[in-house]
Amino acid sequence: MQLKAGFSYSFLDYLEDRDGINDVHRRACHNLYAFNFEARQVRHQKKAGTLETFIHSRTKNTVYRKVFEYATELSYDLDIQRKAP
């Protein structure tokens, strides 16, 4: 049987654990906690002047590593162009 938006009952059953507790809420709470933790870390690292190193450490083993490195290069290039007479 299909529900709205193409979700089947088996998919919705998958989201609930054995006691019928909705696991989506738990994941949402975890994701919110993780986001807030990372936001605090970014603010702290920015204040300490180590934001670039921090972001590099967070992205070094992810698909975002090359994007961050490219953005860093562009940033340095822009800084050099601004400082040129």
C-alpha atoms as a PDB file:
ATOM      1  CA  MET A   1       0.000   0.000   0.000  1.00  0.00           C
ATOM      2  CA  GLN A   2       1.295   3.477  -0.871  1.00  0.00           C
ATOM      3  CA  LEU A   3       0.985   6.631   1.212  1.00  0.00           C
ATOM      4  CA  LYS A   4       1.214  10.247   0.112  1.00  0.00           C
ATOM      5  CA  ALA A   5       4.434  11.402  -1.532  1.00  0.00           C
ATOM      6  CA  GLY A   6       5.350   7.856  -2.572  1.00  0.00           C
ATOM      7  CA  PHE A   7       6.307   6.546   0.886  1.00  0.00           C
ATOM      8  CA  SER A   8       5.340   2.957   1.553  1.00  0.00           C
ATOM      9  CA  TYR A   9       4.373   1.591   4.927  1.00  0.00           C
ATOM     10  CA  SER A  10       7.544  -0.504   4.969  1.00  0.00           C
ATOM     11  CA  PHE A  11       9.640   2.674   4.745  1.00  0.00           C
ATOM     12  CA  LEU A  12       7.712   4.279   7.602  1.00  0.00           C
ATOM     13  CA  ASP A  13       8.051   1.062   9.619  1.00  0.00           C
ATOM     14  CA  TYR A  14      11.800   1.236   9.028  1.00  0.00           C
ATOM     15  CA  LEU A  15      11.890   4.686  10.656  1.00  0.00           C
ATOM     16  CA  GLU A  16      10.411   3.339  13.880  1.00  0.00           C
ATOM     17  CA  ASP A  17      12.293   1.134  16.260  1.00  0.00           C
ATOM     18  CA  ARG A  18      10.775  -1.919  17.948  1.00  0.00           C
ATOM     19  CA  ASP A  19       8.845   0.049  20.554  1.00  0.00           C
ATOM     20  CA  GLY A  20       7.174   2.193  17.901  1.00  0.00           C
ATOM     21  CA  ILE A  21       9.279   5.241  18.752  1.00  0.00           C
ATOM     22  CA  ASN A  22       9.872   7.476  15.768  1.00  0.00           C
ATOM     23  CA  ASP A  23      13.597   7.312  15.008  1.00  0.00           C
ATOM     24  CA  VAL A  24      13.436  10.373  12.731  1.00  0.00           C
ATOM     25  CA  HIS A  25      12.999  12.600  15.789  1.00  0.00           C
ATOM     26  CA  ARG A  26      16.098  11.109  17.418  1.00  0.00           C
ATOM     27  CA  ARG A  27      18.158  11.683  14.297  1.00  0.00           C
ATOM     28  CA  ALA A  28      16.856  15.239  13.981  1.00  0.00           C
ATOM     29  CA  CYS A  29      17.817  15.972  17.600  1.00  0.00           C
ATOM     30  CA  HIS A  30      21.270  14.473  17.051  1.00  0.00           C
ATOM     31  CA  ASN A  31      21.772  16.519  13.875  1.00  0.00           C
ATOM     32  CA  LEU A  32      20.714  19.714  15.647  1.00  0.00           C
ATOM     33  CA  TYR A  33      23.140  19.005  18.501  1.00  0.00           C
ATOM     34  CA  ALA A  34      25.974  18.257  16.058  1.00  0.00           C
ATOM     35  CA  PHE A  35      25.261  21.429  14.066  1.00  0.00           C
ATOM     36  CA  ASN A  36      25.263  23.597  17.188  1.00  0.00           C
ATOM     37  CA  PHE A  37      28.471  21.952  18.422  1.00  0.00           C
ATOM     38  CA  GLU A  38      30.216  22.656  15.105  1.00  0.00           C
ATOM     39  CA  ALA A  39      28.916  26.244  15.061  1.00  0.00           C
ATOM     40  CA  ARG A  40      30.427  26.822  18.523  1.00  0.00           C
ATOM     41  CA  GLN A  41      33.703  25.310  17.335  1.00  0.00           C
ATOM     42  CA  VAL A  42      33.783  27.584  14.270  1.00  0.00           C
ATOM     43  CA  ARG A  43      33.183  30.687  16.405  1.00  0.00           C
ATOM     44  CA  HIS A  44      35.937  29.612  18.814  1.00  0.00           C
ATOM     45  CA  GLN A  45      38.419  28.851  16.026  1.00  0.00           C
ATOM     46  CA  LYS A  46      37.638  32.122  14.262  1.00  0.00           C
ATOM     47  CA  LYS A  47      38.288  34.046  17.472  1.00  0.00           C
ATOM     48  CA  ALA A  48      41.564  32.136  17.960  1.00  0.00           C
ATOM     49  CA  GLY A  49      42.653  32.837  14.384  1.00  0.00           C
ATOM     50  CA  THR A  50      42.812  29.146  13.465  1.00  0.00           C
ATOM     51  CA  LEU A  51      39.653  28.789  11.393  1.00  0.00           C
ATOM     52  CA  GLU A  52      41.427  27.743   8.194  1.00  0.00           C
ATOM     53  CA  THR A  53      43.314  24.948   9.971  1.00  0.00           C
ATOM     54  CA  PHE A  54      40.123  23.840  11.706  1.00  0.00           C
ATOM     55  CA  ILE A  55      38.113  23.662   8.471  1.00  0.00           C
ATOM     56  CA  HIS A  56      40.953  21.847   6.740  1.00  0.00           C
ATOM     57  CA  SER A  57      40.993  19.245   9.517  1.00  0.00           C
ATOM     58  CA  ARG A  58      37.222  18.786   9.233  1.00  0.00           C
ATOM     59  CA  THR A  59      37.263  18.407   5.438  1.00  0.00           C
ATOM     60  CA  LYS A  60      40.522  16.508   4.854  1.00  0.00           C
ATOM     61  CA  ASN A  61      38.867  13.089   4.415  1.00  0.00           C
ATOM     62  CA  THR A  62      35.668  14.252   2.730  1.00  0.00           C
ATOM     63  CA  VAL A  63      34.450  15.110  -0.743  1.00  0.00           C
ATOM     64  CA  TYR A  64      34.631  18.787   0.287  1.00  0.00           C
ATOM     65  CA  ARG A  65      38.432  18.854   0.688  1.00  0.00           C
ATOM     66  CA  LYS A  66      39.133  19.989  -2.878  1.00  0.00           C
ATOM     67  CA  VAL A  67      36.381  22.606  -2.723  1.00  0.00           C
ATOM     68  CA  PHE A  68      37.875  24.068   0.460  1.00  0.00           C
ATOM     69  CA  GLU A  69      41.392  24.041  -1.006  1.00  0.00           C
ATOM     70  CA  TYR A  70      40.121  25.766  -4.164  1.00  0.00           C
ATOM     71  CA  ALA A  71      38.276  28.395  -2.119  1.00  0.00           C
ATOM     72  CA  THR A  72      41.411  28.966  -0.033  1.00  0.00           C
ATOM     73  CA  GLU A  73      43.510  29.494  -3.171  1.00  0.00           C
ATOM     74  CA  LEU A  74      40.969  31.959  -4.550  1.00  0.00           C
ATOM     75  CA  SER A  75      40.959  33.817  -1.266  1.00  0.00           C
ATOM     76  CA  TYR A  76      44.757  34.119  -1.281  1.00  0.00           C
ATOM     77  CA  ASP A  77      44.710  35.263  -4.921  1.00  0.00           C
ATOM     78  CA  LEU A  78      42.155  37.958  -4.092  1.00  0.00           C
ATOM     79  CA  ASP A  79      44.196  39.109  -1.103  1.00  0.00           C
ATOM     80  CA  ILE A  80      47.302  39.419  -3.303  1.00  0.00           C
ATOM     81  CA  GLN A  81      45.384  41.364  -5.941  1.00  0.00           C
ATOM     82  CA  ARG A  82      44.002  43.758  -3.311  1.00  0.00           C
ATOM     83  CA  LYS A  83      47.462  44.416  -1.874  1.00  0.00           C
ATOM     84  CA  ALA A  84      49.099  44.983  -5.275  1.00  0.00           C
ATOM     85  CA  PRO A  85      49.834  48.621  -6.042  1.00  0.00           C
END
